[in-house]
Amino acid sequence: MLVGLLKASLGQAGMRLSDLDLQIASVALEYSASLLAHNQRHFERVPGLLIEDWLAG
């Protein structure tokens, strides 16, 4: 259900994210977990999502 809400919200704002990225982000949000991702650009559009990049210097 959260996937659909995210997709609609981002779509209304003119932003797109792949369905798989939306699923990944929604799981992290549902569990109040940080998302570990090297390419943060895909996920930085998701409000409230905490993103960590362990490869960043």
N, C-alpha and C. Protein backbone atom coordinates (compact mmCIF):
# COMPACT_ATOMS: atom_id res chain seq x y z
N MET A 1 0.82 -1.19 0.00
CA MET A 1 0.00 0.00 0.00
C MET A 1 0.87 1.26 0.00
N LEU A 2 1.94 1.25 0.77
CA LEU A 2 2.83 2.39 0.82
C LEU A 2 3.46 2.66 -0.54
N VAL A 3 3.70 1.60 -1.31
CA VAL A 3 4.28 1.77 -2.65
C VAL A 3 3.35 2.63 -3.51
N GLY A 4 2.08 2.35 -3.47
CA GLY A 4 1.11 3.11 -4.25
C GLY A 4 1.04 4.57 -3.82
N LEU A 5 1.08 4.81 -2.52
CA LEU A 5 1.05 6.18 -2.02
C LEU A 5 2.29 6.95 -2.45
N LEU A 6 3.45 6.30 -2.36
CA LEU A 6 4.69 6.94 -2.79
C LEU A 6 4.67 7.24 -4.28
N LYS A 7 4.20 6.27 -5.06
CA LYS A 7 4.16 6.45 -6.51
C LYS A 7 3.24 7.61 -6.89
N ALA A 8 2.09 7.69 -6.25
CA ALA A 8 1.15 8.77 -6.53
C ALA A 8 1.71 10.12 -6.10
N SER A 9 2.30 10.16 -4.92
CA SER A 9 2.85 11.41 -4.39
C SER A 9 3.99 11.93 -5.26
N LEU A 10 4.91 11.06 -5.62
CA LEU A 10 6.02 11.46 -6.47
C LEU A 10 5.54 11.84 -7.87
N GLY A 11 4.56 11.09 -8.37
CA GLY A 11 4.02 11.38 -9.69
C GLY A 11 3.37 12.75 -9.76
N GLN A 12 2.64 13.12 -8.71
CA GLN A 12 2.00 14.44 -8.66
C GLN A 12 3.04 15.56 -8.62
N ALA A 13 4.20 15.26 -8.05
CA ALA A 13 5.27 16.25 -7.96
C ALA A 13 6.15 16.24 -9.22
N GLY A 14 5.79 15.39 -10.18
CA GLY A 14 6.55 15.32 -11.43
C GLY A 14 7.84 14.53 -11.33
N MET A 15 7.94 13.70 -10.29
CA MET A 15 9.15 12.89 -10.11
C MET A 15 8.81 11.42 -10.33
N ARG A 16 9.73 10.69 -10.93
CA ARG A 16 9.50 9.27 -11.19
C ARG A 16 10.56 8.45 -10.49
N LEU A 17 10.16 7.26 -10.11
CA LEU A 17 11.06 6.29 -9.51
C LEU A 17 10.58 4.93 -9.99
N SER A 18 11.50 4.04 -10.28
CA SER A 18 11.09 2.72 -10.78
C SER A 18 10.27 2.00 -9.72
N ASP A 19 9.44 1.07 -10.15
CA ASP A 19 8.62 0.31 -9.21
C ASP A 19 9.48 -0.45 -8.20
N LEU A 20 10.60 -0.99 -8.65
CA LEU A 20 11.49 -1.71 -7.74
C LEU A 20 12.08 -0.77 -6.70
N ASP A 21 12.52 0.41 -7.11
CA ASP A 21 13.06 1.38 -6.16
C ASP A 21 11.98 1.84 -5.18
N LEU A 22 10.75 1.98 -5.65
CA LEU A 22 9.64 2.33 -4.77
C LEU A 22 9.40 1.24 -3.74
N GLN A 23 9.49 -0.01 -4.15
CA GLN A 23 9.32 -1.12 -3.21
C GLN A 23 10.42 -1.12 -2.16
N ILE A 24 11.65 -0.92 -2.59
CA ILE A 24 12.79 -0.89 -1.67
C ILE A 24 12.61 0.26 -0.67
N ALA A 25 12.27 1.44 -1.16
CA ALA A 25 12.10 2.60 -0.29
C ALA A 25 10.95 2.39 0.69
N SER A 26 9.86 1.81 0.23
CA SER A 26 8.71 1.62 1.11
C SER A 26 9.00 0.63 2.23
N VAL A 27 9.79 -0.39 1.96
CA VAL A 27 10.17 -1.34 3.01
C VAL A 27 11.02 -0.63 4.07
N ALA A 28 11.98 0.18 3.63
CA ALA A 28 12.81 0.92 4.58
C ALA A 28 11.95 1.87 5.42
N LEU A 29 11.01 2.55 4.80
CA LEU A 29 10.13 3.46 5.53
C LEU A 29 9.24 2.70 6.51
N GLU A 30 8.70 1.58 6.07
CA GLU A 30 7.80 0.78 6.91
C GLU A 30 8.48 0.32 8.19
N TYR A 31 9.76 -0.03 8.09
CA TYR A 31 10.51 -0.52 9.24
C TYR A 31 11.33 0.57 9.92
N SER A 32 11.14 1.82 9.52
CA SER A 32 11.92 2.94 10.06
C SER A 32 13.41 2.66 10.00
N ALA A 33 13.84 2.10 8.90
CA ALA A 33 15.24 1.71 8.71
C ALA A 33 15.92 2.67 7.74
N SER A 34 17.23 2.77 7.89
CA SER A 34 18.02 3.51 6.91
C SER A 34 18.23 2.64 5.68
N LEU A 35 18.26 3.26 4.54
CA LEU A 35 18.51 2.55 3.29
C LEU A 35 19.98 2.71 2.94
N LEU A 36 20.66 1.61 2.75
CA LEU A 36 22.06 1.63 2.38
C LEU A 36 22.15 1.59 0.86
N ALA A 37 22.63 2.69 0.27
CA ALA A 37 22.70 2.78 -1.19
C ALA A 37 23.87 3.67 -1.59
N HIS A 38 24.64 3.22 -2.56
CA HIS A 38 25.75 4.05 -3.04
C HIS A 38 25.24 5.16 -3.96
N ASN A 39 24.26 4.85 -4.79
CA ASN A 39 23.69 5.86 -5.67
C ASN A 39 22.46 6.46 -5.00
N GLN A 40 22.68 7.50 -4.24
CA GLN A 40 21.59 8.10 -3.47
C GLN A 40 20.60 8.86 -4.34
N ARG A 41 21.01 9.22 -5.54
CA ARG A 41 20.15 10.02 -6.42
C ARG A 41 18.80 9.36 -6.66
N HIS A 42 18.78 8.03 -6.72
CA HIS A 42 17.52 7.32 -6.97
C HIS A 42 16.53 7.51 -5.83
N PHE A 43 17.03 7.64 -4.62
CA PHE A 43 16.14 7.60 -3.46
C PHE A 43 15.97 8.94 -2.75
N GLU A 44 16.76 9.95 -3.09
CA GLU A 44 16.70 11.20 -2.36
C GLU A 44 15.37 11.93 -2.54
N ARG A 45 14.58 11.53 -3.51
CA ARG A 45 13.28 12.16 -3.75
C ARG A 45 12.20 11.66 -2.81
N VAL A 46 12.47 10.57 -2.09
CA VAL A 46 11.46 9.97 -1.21
C VAL A 46 11.48 10.69 0.14
N PRO A 47 10.41 11.40 0.48
CA PRO A 47 10.39 12.14 1.74
C PRO A 47 10.45 11.21 2.95
N GLY A 48 11.27 11.59 3.92
CA GLY A 48 11.37 10.83 5.16
C GLY A 48 12.30 9.65 5.12
N LEU A 49 12.86 9.35 3.96
CA LEU A 49 13.74 8.18 3.83
C LEU A 49 15.15 8.55 4.25
N LEU A 50 15.70 7.78 5.18
CA LEU A 50 17.08 7.98 5.62
C LEU A 50 17.99 7.13 4.75
N ILE A 51 18.98 7.77 4.15
CA ILE A 51 19.87 7.08 3.22
C ILE A 51 21.29 7.16 3.75
N GLU A 52 21.99 6.03 3.72
CA GLU A 52 23.39 5.98 4.10
C GLU A 52 24.21 5.42 2.94
N ASP A 53 25.39 5.97 2.79
CA ASP A 53 26.33 5.48 1.77
C ASP A 53 27.64 5.17 2.46
N TRP A 54 27.91 3.91 2.70
CA TRP A 54 29.12 3.50 3.41
C TRP A 54 30.35 3.64 2.54
N LEU A 55 30.18 3.85 1.24
CA LEU A 55 31.32 4.01 0.35
C LEU A 55 31.74 5.47 0.21
N ALA A 56 30.90 6.38 0.68
CA ALA A 56 31.23 7.81 0.58
C ALA A 56 32.38 8.13 1.53
N GLY A 57 33.27 8.95 1.06
CA GLY A 57 34.46 9.28 1.83
C GLY A 57 34.21 10.43 2.71
